[in-house]
Protein backbone atom coordinates (compact mmCIF):
# COMPACT_ATOMS: atom_id res chain seq x y z
CA MET A 1 -59.40 10.30 50.26
CA SER A 2 -58.44 7.97 47.44
CA ARG A 3 -60.76 5.53 45.71
CA ARG A 4 -58.93 2.66 47.40
CA GLU A 5 -59.45 4.20 50.83
CA LEU A 6 -63.13 4.71 50.07
CA LEU A 7 -63.45 1.09 48.96
CA ASP A 8 -61.80 0.02 52.24
CA LEU A 9 -64.41 2.04 54.13
CA VAL A 10 -67.16 0.28 52.18
CA ARG A 11 -65.63 -3.12 53.01
CA ALA A 12 -65.49 -2.22 56.69
CA ALA A 13 -69.10 -1.05 56.68
CA VAL A 14 -70.22 -4.24 54.90
CA ALA A 15 -68.42 -6.41 57.45
CA GLY A 16 -69.74 -4.45 60.43
CA MET A 17 -73.33 -4.29 59.20
CA ARG A 18 -73.35 -7.97 58.26
CA ARG A 19 -72.06 -8.85 61.73
CA ALA A 20 -74.90 -6.77 63.19
CA GLY A 21 -77.46 -8.80 61.22
CA VAL A 22 -78.06 -6.53 58.22
CA GLY A 23 -78.90 -8.46 55.07
CA ALA A 24 -81.39 -8.80 52.23
CA GLY A 25 -84.66 -7.13 53.16
CA THR A 26 -83.40 -5.43 56.35
CA GLY A 27 -84.92 -1.99 56.84
CA VAL A 28 -81.99 0.41 57.42
CA ALA A 29 -82.58 4.07 58.32
CA VAL A 30 -79.52 6.27 57.75
CA LEU A 31 -79.20 9.50 59.77
CA THR A 32 -75.81 11.03 59.03
CA SER A 33 -73.99 14.18 58.08
CA VAL A 34 -72.12 14.42 54.75
CA THR A 35 -68.91 12.42 55.08
CA PRO A 36 -67.04 9.69 53.17
CA GLU A 37 -68.04 7.28 55.96
CA ALA A 38 -71.72 8.11 55.46
CA PHE A 39 -71.46 7.57 51.69
CA ALA A 40 -69.74 4.24 52.35
CA ALA A 41 -72.59 3.24 54.68
CA TYR A 42 -75.18 3.81 51.95
CA VAL A 43 -73.15 1.77 49.45
CA ALA A 44 -72.58 -1.01 52.00
CA ALA A 45 -76.29 -1.24 52.81
CA PHE A 46 -77.08 -1.59 49.09
CA ILE A 47 -74.39 -4.27 48.69
CA LEU A 48 -76.02 -6.25 51.52
CA GLY A 49 -79.43 -6.02 49.83
CA ALA A 50 -81.03 -3.91 52.57
CA ARG A 51 -84.02 -1.61 52.17
CA VAL A 52 -82.35 1.77 52.66
CA VAL A 53 -84.09 4.89 53.94
CA GLY A 54 -82.21 8.19 54.10
CA VAL A 55 -83.77 10.32 56.84
CA SER A 56 -83.69 14.00 55.94
CA PRO A 57 -82.63 16.47 58.67
CA GLY A 58 -85.42 18.83 57.59
CA LEU A 59 -88.34 16.65 58.74
CA SER A 60 -90.54 17.65 61.67
CA ASP A 61 -90.57 15.34 64.69
CA ARG A 62 -93.92 13.92 63.58
CA GLN A 63 -92.73 13.28 60.04
CA ARG A 64 -89.48 11.69 61.22
CA ALA A 65 -91.39 9.38 63.55
CA HIS A 66 -93.58 8.37 60.60
CA VAL A 67 -90.52 7.53 58.47
CA LEU A 68 -88.85 5.56 61.27
CA ALA A 69 -92.04 3.55 61.76
CA ALA A 70 -91.96 2.27 58.16
CA ASP A 71 -90.67 -1.26 58.89
CA ILE A 72 -87.23 -0.06 59.98
CA ASP A 73 -85.06 -2.67 61.69
CA VAL A 74 -81.91 -0.70 62.48
CA ALA A 75 -80.61 2.89 62.39
CA VAL A 76 -77.15 3.96 61.20
CA VAL A 77 -75.77 7.19 62.71
CA ASP A 78 -72.45 9.02 62.82
CA GLY A 79 -72.62 10.86 66.12
CA PRO A 80 -74.64 11.71 69.25
CA ASP A 81 -76.56 14.46 67.44
CA GLN A 82 -77.97 11.92 65.02
CA VAL A 83 -78.87 9.57 67.87
CA ALA A 84 -80.87 12.43 69.40
CA ARG A 85 -82.78 12.80 66.11
CA LEU A 86 -84.21 9.31 66.64
CA GLY A 87 -86.39 10.82 69.34
CA PRO A 88 -86.99 10.04 73.01
CA GLY A 89 -87.89 6.47 73.82
CA ASN A 90 -86.78 5.15 70.43
CA GLN A 91 -86.10 1.41 70.63
CA LEU A 92 -84.35 0.87 67.29
CA PRO A 93 -80.96 -0.88 67.40
CA VAL A 94 -78.31 1.71 66.54
CA LEU A 95 -75.14 1.20 64.50
CA SER A 96 -72.48 3.91 64.49
CA LEU A 97 -69.92 5.01 61.92
CA GLY A 98 -67.34 5.71 64.58
CA PRO A 99 -66.91 5.85 68.37
CA GLY A 100 -68.79 8.21 70.63
CA ALA A 101 -72.40 7.59 69.67
CA GLY A 102 -73.04 5.00 72.35
CA ALA A 103 -73.70 2.29 69.78
CA VAL A 104 -72.03 -0.53 67.87
CA ASP A 105 -69.18 0.87 65.74
CA VAL A 106 -69.57 -0.93 62.41
CA LEU A 107 -66.32 0.47 61.00
CA ALA A 108 -64.31 -1.21 63.76
CA ALA A 109 -65.02 -4.70 62.39
CA GLU A 110 -62.17 -6.85 61.08
CA VAL A 111 -62.11 -6.87 57.30
CA ASP A 112 -60.99 -9.58 54.88
CA ALA A 113 -59.66 -7.55 51.94
CA THR A 114 -59.67 -10.64 49.71
CA GLU A 115 -63.39 -11.31 50.12
CA PRO A 116 -65.32 -10.18 47.03
CA LEU A 117 -68.09 -7.64 47.45
CA LEU A 118 -71.13 -9.44 46.04
CA ALA A 119 -74.50 -7.74 45.68
CA GLY A 120 -77.05 -9.41 47.97
CA GLY A 121 -80.22 -7.74 46.75
CA ARG A 122 -82.79 -9.73 44.79
CA PRO A 123 -84.10 -7.90 41.69
CA ASP A 124 -87.63 -7.34 42.96
CA ASP A 125 -86.67 -6.53 46.55
CA VAL A 126 -87.16 -2.88 47.50
CA ALA A 127 -83.73 -1.26 47.48
CA ARG A 128 -84.65 2.09 48.92
CA LEU A 129 -87.53 4.28 49.99
CA VAL A 130 -87.18 7.84 48.74
CA TYR A 131 -89.54 10.06 50.69
CA THR A 132 -91.55 12.92 49.28
CA SER A 133 -91.34 16.31 50.98
CA GLY A 134 -94.14 15.54 53.42
CA SER A 135 -96.06 18.61 52.39
CA THR A 136 -99.29 16.62 52.49
CA GLY A 137 -98.71 16.17 56.22
CA LEU A 138 -96.84 12.88 56.19
CA PRO A 139 -94.21 12.05 53.56
CA LYS A 140 -94.81 9.10 51.22
CA GLY A 141 -92.07 6.53 50.65
CA CYS A 142 -91.42 5.92 46.95
CA ALA A 143 -90.32 2.28 46.72
CA GLN A 144 -87.58 1.55 44.20
CA THR A 145 -86.54 -2.06 43.59
CA TYR A 146 -83.01 -3.33 42.99
CA ARG A 147 -84.01 -4.01 39.39
CA ALA A 148 -85.02 -0.34 39.02
CA LEU A 149 -81.98 0.91 40.91
CA SER A 150 -79.71 -1.06 38.55
CA ALA A 151 -81.51 0.42 35.53
CA ARG A 152 -80.91 4.05 36.55
CA TRP A 153 -78.75 5.55 33.85
CA CYS A 154 -76.35 7.16 36.32
CA ARG A 155 -75.14 3.71 37.39
CA GLN A 156 -74.25 2.64 33.83
CA PRO A 157 -71.39 4.86 32.59
CA ASP A 158 -70.90 2.74 29.46
CA GLN A 159 -74.54 3.46 28.54
CA TRP A 160 -74.59 7.20 29.21
CA ALA A 161 -76.22 9.22 26.45
CA ALA A 162 -74.07 11.91 24.82
CA GLU A 163 -75.67 14.68 26.90
CA ASP A 164 -75.17 12.70 30.13
CA ALA A 165 -71.53 12.02 29.28
CA THR A 166 -70.91 15.71 28.51
CA LEU A 167 -72.52 16.77 31.78
CA MET A 168 -70.64 14.27 33.92
CA ALA A 169 -67.32 14.94 32.17
CA ALA A 170 -67.58 18.38 33.76
CA ALA A 171 -67.62 16.85 37.26
CA GLU A 172 -63.85 16.72 37.72
CA ARG A 173 -64.34 18.51 41.04
CA TYR A 174 -67.94 18.16 42.20
CA LEU A 175 -69.20 20.18 45.17
CA LEU A 176 -71.00 17.75 47.49
CA SER A 177 -73.41 19.75 49.64
CA GLY A 178 -76.89 19.19 51.03
CA THR A 179 -77.75 15.78 52.50
CA LEU A 180 -77.03 12.24 51.35
CA ALA A 181 -80.60 11.42 52.40
CA SER A 182 -81.59 13.12 49.14
CA ALA A 183 -81.69 10.65 46.26
CA VAL A 184 -80.68 13.49 43.91
CA ILE A 185 -77.56 14.34 45.93
CA LEU A 186 -76.62 10.67 46.34
CA ASP A 187 -77.10 9.97 42.63
CA TYR A 188 -75.04 12.97 41.53
CA VAL A 189 -72.06 12.15 43.72
CA LEU A 190 -72.25 8.57 42.44
CA ARG A 191 -72.21 9.84 38.85
CA CYS A 192 -69.20 11.99 39.69
CA LEU A 193 -67.24 9.05 41.12
CA LEU A 194 -68.24 6.63 38.37
CA GLY A 195 -67.13 9.20 35.81
CA GLY A 196 -63.69 9.51 37.39
CA GLY A 197 -64.25 12.80 39.22
CA THR A 198 -63.50 13.99 42.75
CA ALA A 199 -66.21 14.83 45.28
CA VAL A 200 -65.38 17.89 47.41
CA ILE A 201 -67.05 18.32 50.81
CA PRO A 202 -66.65 21.89 52.15
CA GLU A 203 -64.86 22.14 55.49
CA ASP A 204 -67.48 24.49 56.93
CA SER A 205 -70.93 23.36 55.84
CA THR A 206 -72.53 26.37 57.58
CA ALA A 207 -70.71 28.92 55.43
CA PRO A 208 -72.32 30.25 52.23
CA LEU A 209 -71.49 27.59 49.64
CA PHE A 210 -72.23 29.54 46.50
CA PRO A 211 -70.38 31.15 44.86
CA HIS A 212 -67.44 31.46 47.27
CA ALA A 213 -66.92 27.73 47.74
CA ILE A 214 -66.83 27.33 43.96
CA ALA A 215 -63.97 29.80 43.76
CA ARG A 216 -62.17 28.50 46.85
CA TYR A 217 -62.22 24.81 45.91
CA ARG A 218 -62.01 25.36 42.11
CA ILE A 219 -65.29 23.49 41.65
CA THR A 220 -66.16 22.40 38.11
CA ALA A 221 -69.70 21.07 38.74
CA ALA A 222 -72.45 21.36 41.35
CA ILE A 223 -76.20 20.94 41.81
CA LEU A 224 -78.44 23.33 43.71
CA PRO A 225 -82.11 24.36 43.93
CA VAL A 226 -83.32 27.32 41.89
CA PRO A 227 -83.62 29.75 44.85
CA ARG A 228 -79.97 29.04 45.70
CA LEU A 229 -79.07 29.93 42.12
CA TYR A 230 -80.87 33.25 42.48
CA ALA A 231 -79.06 33.94 45.77
CA MET A 232 -75.77 33.07 44.06
CA LEU A 233 -76.43 35.53 41.25
CA ASP A 234 -77.32 38.23 43.78
CA GLU A 235 -74.11 37.53 45.70
CA LEU A 236 -72.00 37.70 42.54
CA ARG A 237 -73.56 41.07 41.70
CA GLN A 238 -72.63 42.48 45.11
CA ARG A 239 -69.32 40.69 45.75
CA PRO A 240 -67.88 39.28 42.51
CA VAL A 241 -65.53 36.28 42.71
CA ASP A 242 -63.85 34.24 39.99
CA VAL A 243 -66.06 31.24 39.15
CA SER A 244 -64.61 30.65 35.69
CA CYS A 245 -63.66 27.12 36.80
CA LEU A 246 -67.35 26.15 36.73
CA ARG A 247 -68.34 24.01 33.74
CA ALA A 248 -71.73 22.62 34.78
CA LEU A 249 -74.27 23.94 37.28
CA VAL A 250 -77.42 21.82 37.56
CA VAL A 251 -80.51 23.45 39.07
CA SER A 252 -83.67 21.62 40.06
CA GLY A 253 -86.93 21.90 41.96
CA SER A 254 -88.66 24.60 39.90
CA PRO A 255 -88.22 26.25 36.49
CA VAL A 256 -85.69 29.06 36.12
CA SER A 257 -87.30 32.27 34.90
CA PRO A 258 -86.04 33.34 31.43
CA ARG A 259 -84.78 36.64 32.86
CA ARG A 260 -82.73 34.88 35.54
CA TYR A 261 -81.43 32.34 33.03
CA GLN A 262 -80.12 35.16 30.87
CA GLU A 263 -78.53 36.71 33.96
CA ALA A 264 -76.85 33.38 34.71
CA LEU A 265 -75.51 33.19 31.16
CA THR A 266 -73.93 36.63 31.59
CA ALA A 267 -72.50 35.91 35.05
CA LEU A 268 -71.46 32.26 34.63
CA GLY A 269 -71.31 31.53 30.93
CA PRO A 270 -73.06 28.60 29.17
CA VAL A 271 -72.90 26.19 32.12
CA LEU A 272 -76.48 26.08 33.41
CA TYR A 273 -78.56 22.87 33.23
CA GLN A 274 -82.24 22.74 34.29
CA ASP A 275 -83.27 19.35 35.73
CA TYR A 276 -87.02 18.62 35.78
CA GLY A 277 -88.03 15.53 37.72
CA GLN A 278 -90.03 14.02 40.55
CA THR A 279 -89.24 12.00 43.65
CA GLU A 280 -91.15 9.06 42.17
CA LEU A 281 -88.64 8.50 39.37
CA GLY A 282 -85.92 11.15 39.32
CA MET A 283 -85.01 13.15 36.22
CA ILE A 284 -87.66 13.48 33.51
CA SER A 285 -86.04 16.08 31.25
CA LEU A 286 -82.93 18.23 31.09
CA LEU A 287 -82.49 21.70 29.61
CA SER A 288 -78.88 22.05 28.48
CA PRO A 289 -76.79 25.04 27.33
CA GLU A 290 -76.84 23.43 23.87
CA HIS A 291 -80.65 23.64 23.80
CA VAL A 292 -80.51 27.33 24.69
CA ALA A 293 -77.87 28.04 22.06
CA ALA A 294 -79.88 26.22 19.38
CA HIS A 295 -83.42 27.36 20.21
CA GLY A 296 -83.08 30.61 22.18
CA ASP A 297 -86.28 31.88 23.79
CA ALA A 298 -88.15 28.67 22.94
CA ALA A 299 -85.66 26.72 25.07
CA LEU A 300 -85.87 29.20 27.94
CA ALA A 301 -89.64 28.64 28.03
CA SER A 302 -89.08 24.90 28.48
CA VAL A 303 -87.52 22.34 30.83
CA GLY A 304 -85.55 20.76 28.03
CA ARG A 305 -85.79 17.48 26.22
CA PRO A 306 -86.97 14.27 27.94
CA HIS A 307 -84.15 11.97 28.99
CA PRO A 308 -83.59 9.08 26.53
CA ASP A 309 -84.58 6.59 29.26
CA VAL A 310 -87.89 8.36 29.95
CA GLU A 311 -90.98 8.07 27.73
CA VAL A 312 -93.41 11.01 27.98
CA SER A 313 -97.11 11.01 27.09
CA ILE A 314 -99.25 14.18 27.22
CA ARG A 315 -102.83 13.21 28.05
CA ALA A 316 -106.29 14.69 28.42
CA GLU A 317 -108.46 14.23 31.55
CA ASP A 318 -109.81 10.94 30.14
CA GLU A 319 -106.18 9.73 29.91
CA THR A 320 -106.14 9.69 26.09
CA PRO A 321 -103.20 11.37 24.31
CA VAL A 322 -103.74 14.96 23.18
CA ALA A 323 -102.77 16.27 19.75
CA ASP A 324 -99.19 17.40 19.19
CA GLY A 325 -98.55 20.76 20.81
CA GLU A 326 -101.67 20.72 22.98
CA VAL A 327 -101.57 21.03 26.76
CA GLY A 328 -102.38 18.03 28.91
CA GLU A 329 -101.20 16.13 31.95
CA ILE A 330 -97.68 14.74 31.75
CA TRP A 331 -97.48 10.94 32.11
CA VAL A 332 -94.12 9.17 32.15
CA ARG A 333 -92.63 5.70 32.28
CA CYS A 334 -89.08 4.43 32.56
CA PRO A 335 -87.21 1.36 33.85
CA HIS A 336 -86.18 3.08 37.08
CA MET A 337 -89.45 4.60 38.33
CA MET A 338 -90.96 3.61 41.66
CA SER A 339 -93.00 0.43 42.03
CA GLY A 340 -95.40 2.23 44.38
CA TYR A 341 -95.72 4.08 47.67
CA TRP A 342 -94.64 1.98 50.63
CA ASN A 343 -97.64 0.49 52.45
CA ASP A 344 -99.95 2.95 50.67
CA PRO A 345 -101.99 1.18 47.95
CA GLU A 346 -104.57 3.98 47.78
CA HIS A 347 -102.12 6.70 46.72
CA THR A 348 -100.24 4.20 44.55
CA ALA A 349 -103.40 3.51 42.56
CA GLU A 350 -103.86 7.26 42.04
CA VAL A 351 -100.54 7.75 40.25
CA LEU A 352 -99.65 4.39 38.65
CA SER A 353 -101.70 2.97 35.81
CA GLY A 354 -100.76 0.50 33.09
CA GLY A 355 -97.05 0.88 33.70
CA TRP A 356 -97.26 4.69 33.53
CA LEU A 357 -96.85 7.31 36.25
CA ARG A 358 -98.96 10.48 36.24
CA THR A 359 -96.97 13.51 37.34
CA ARG A 360 -100.00 15.75 38.04
CA ASP A 361 -98.11 18.43 36.08
CA LEU A 362 -99.57 20.05 32.96
CA GLY A 363 -97.41 20.55 29.90
CA ARG A 364 -96.86 20.29 26.17
CA THR A 365 -94.04 19.52 23.76
CA ASP A 366 -93.07 22.16 21.23
CA ARG A 367 -91.92 21.73 17.65
CA HIS A 368 -88.33 21.29 18.83
CA GLY A 369 -89.27 18.36 21.06
CA LEU A 370 -88.76 20.47 24.19
CA LEU A 371 -91.07 19.96 27.16
CA GLN A 372 -92.91 23.03 28.45
CA LEU A 373 -94.67 23.12 31.83
CA ARG A 374 -98.08 24.78 31.96
CA GLY A 375 -99.12 24.46 35.59
CA ARG A 376 -100.17 21.68 37.95
CA THR A 377 -103.28 19.60 38.37
CA ARG A 378 -102.58 19.55 42.09
CA ASP A 379 -102.91 22.54 44.38
CA VAL A 380 -99.23 22.60 45.32
CA ILE A 381 -96.67 25.32 45.97
CA ILE A 382 -92.95 24.78 45.32
CA VAL A 383 -90.91 26.44 48.07
CA ASN A 384 -87.13 26.03 47.93
CA ALA A 385 -87.57 23.08 45.55
CA GLN A 386 -89.98 21.30 47.93
CA LEU A 387 -93.64 20.61 47.23
CA CYS A 388 -96.04 22.15 49.73
CA HIS A 389 -99.70 21.15 49.39
CA ALA A 390 -102.26 23.85 50.10
CA GLY A 391 -104.93 21.50 51.46
CA PRO A 392 -103.10 20.25 54.57
CA ILE A 393 -101.96 23.80 55.44
CA GLU A 394 -105.55 25.02 55.15
CA ARG A 395 -106.79 22.19 57.35
CA VAL A 396 -104.18 22.87 60.03
CA LEU A 397 -104.89 26.61 60.07
CA ALA A 398 -108.62 25.93 60.37
CA THR A 399 -108.06 23.92 63.55
CA HIS A 400 -107.08 27.08 65.43
CA PRO A 401 -110.00 28.27 67.62
CA ASP A 402 -109.79 31.82 66.23
CA VAL A 403 -109.97 30.68 62.58
CA ASP A 404 -113.21 29.92 60.77
CA GLN A 405 -111.85 29.36 57.25
CA ALA A 406 -108.41 29.21 55.67
CA TYR A 407 -107.30 29.45 52.06
CA VAL A 408 -103.74 28.94 50.83
CA LEU A 409 -102.06 29.53 47.47
CA GLY A 410 -98.64 30.23 46.04
CA VAL A 411 -97.22 33.50 44.77
CA PRO A 412 -93.99 33.98 42.75
CA ASP A 413 -90.93 34.69 44.91
CA GLU A 414 -87.40 35.07 43.53
CA ARG A 415 -85.85 34.03 46.84
CA THR A 416 -87.75 30.75 47.31
CA GLY A 417 -89.26 30.08 43.88
CA GLU A 418 -92.77 30.41 45.26
CA ALA A 419 -94.06 31.64 48.62
CA ILE A 420 -97.04 30.43 50.63
CA HIS A 421 -99.79 33.04 51.05
CA ALA A 422 -102.52 32.22 53.58
CA PHE A 423 -105.88 33.97 53.98
CA VAL A 424 -107.87 33.34 57.15
CA VAL A 425 -111.40 34.30 58.11
CA PRO A 426 -111.72 34.92 61.89
CA ALA A 427 -114.13 32.74 63.86
CA GLY A 428 -115.29 35.80 65.83
CA GLN A 429 -114.12 39.29 66.65
CA THR A 430 -110.68 38.16 67.80
CA VAL A 431 -108.01 38.59 65.13
CA PRO A 432 -105.96 35.36 64.87
CA ASP A 433 -102.36 35.69 66.07
CA PRO A 434 -100.00 35.14 63.08
CA VAL A 435 -97.23 33.88 65.38
CA ALA A 436 -99.54 31.26 66.88
CA LEU A 437 -100.74 30.19 63.44
CA ALA A 438 -97.15 29.85 62.19
CA ALA A 439 -96.25 27.75 65.24
CA LEU A 440 -99.26 25.51 64.64
CA VAL A 441 -98.28 24.81 61.01
CA ARG A 442 -94.62 24.36 61.98
CA THR A 443 -95.54 21.73 64.59
CA GLU A 444 -97.87 19.76 62.33
CA LEU A 445 -96.24 20.06 58.91
CA GLY A 446 -92.69 21.37 59.38
CA GLU A 447 -90.98 24.70 58.75
CA ILE A 448 -91.18 24.57 54.95
CA ASN A 449 -95.00 24.72 55.09
CA VAL A 450 -95.23 27.85 57.28
CA PRO A 451 -96.88 30.68 55.29
CA SER A 452 -94.60 33.64 54.64
CA HIS A 453 -97.65 35.87 54.04
CA LEU A 454 -100.86 35.91 56.08
CA THR A 455 -103.89 38.12 55.49
CA VAL A 456 -106.98 38.32 57.69
CA ILE A 457 -110.16 38.72 55.63
CA ARG A 458 -113.88 38.96 56.40
CA ASP A 459 -115.39 37.41 53.29
CA VAL A 460 -114.31 35.19 50.39
CA PRO A 461 -115.01 35.89 46.71
CA GLN A 462 -116.75 33.06 44.86
CA THR A 463 -116.72 31.67 41.36
CA ALA A 464 -119.84 31.44 39.22
CA ASN A 465 -120.59 27.98 40.61
CA GLY A 466 -120.26 29.12 44.21
CA LYS A 467 -116.77 27.84 44.97
CA PRO A 468 -114.15 29.99 46.73
CA ASP A 469 -112.16 31.93 44.11
CA LYS A 470 -108.56 31.90 45.35
CA ARG A 471 -107.14 33.92 42.48
CA ALA A 472 -109.74 36.63 43.01
CA LEU A 473 -108.85 36.50 46.69
CA LEU A 474 -105.22 37.17 45.90
CA ALA A 475 -106.07 39.94 43.44
CA ARG A 476 -108.31 41.62 46.01
CA HIS A 477 -106.15 41.28 49.12
CA GLY A 478 -102.63 40.38 47.98
CA GLY A 479 -101.21 43.82 48.67
CA ALA A 480 -102.55 43.77 52.23
CA ALA A 481 -100.48 40.74 53.33
CA ARG A 482 -98.65 40.82 56.63
């Protein structure tokens, strides 16, 4: 599909949505697969000044209902399967990106090709809600205004820093996989197109994308979570294919282990970029092949240098800056960070203060100006690049009648980055059924939060001040997991 044809799709979507009443401030939920029509729908909604919410296919029914209840006025779908995702009894007006969904087909509207496409969003209107993973039980909507959306560096090619320009110059043929509901995926395909590249959507989205799709479609750039990188390296070891066309592979969600990074250098060459960021603002820092070449092991122990648009402050618990090189909590600010969590002033106040956003991650900057992560202030586990909070999982497990206490923590896992390990104390003599416990967590929090390890214990080790000692628990019982 040419750029002109894509622009025509955008024009059609603008005309159809406008005719259906979409305009500045309209809450638009987008539930689509990955297609040019879906991308055009996102762009059209932004042009009209709507408040756009991409609904991820990985949400549980409860989480999806929560997202769709967030002041949504209309849903955009591209087929009957997406209509079904709205849930039984849903009363939202539905707009379709083609016939067959039993809804208004917005792409069938008559289009005036001479009418200019003028942005309808006001600077301080909320442009989109980007939802967190929902690992706390219900996902939080990070509100980003049109002013912030315009300030994101990826939308300003003439202002790209040298590193950004080098990275995006590699995206001549960018592999578009995942879901457009992800702000990261949407931003990267936008960068590709603004930089003059071609976005490639695999014909069979169910087939293994990496590394075979890279070889088949002669892909020059892609983005994927760290566990997918590890799976790709394992696949290349067993069934080698020619991926010499690859010039940039961006990984995100969790740090790459130094051993695996070195393996990637051997298998792929100097093409690997490590993106460290958060849903609340996007990229914070980027580790590039140039950093690794210049600083070696010091670079591999870091997540790169902060992006030029992002200011980083390392602070102590009292929120005062720590001395250079010391570990503290990472605070950030930039023109494109969120203005707050949608309809959630309590959590907003916890993370935003004086124009800064606290990441809840611990870190330090080294003598090269590289940012090193040193843990998290929150009790979270990163599974397949998604944050899973231990507290909600513990609370759900403890609601089972056969469970008296539950303790959850993360353990390293090369397949998923980290894995969730749960310890439960029985309420009586009956041993809790692991299948029932997994089903309970799956229903309440979604599949990503289901523990992959579960150990039944009779007592819990304690710290000196009487609190449960999770690390001692893992050291004592970790090998007995089932």
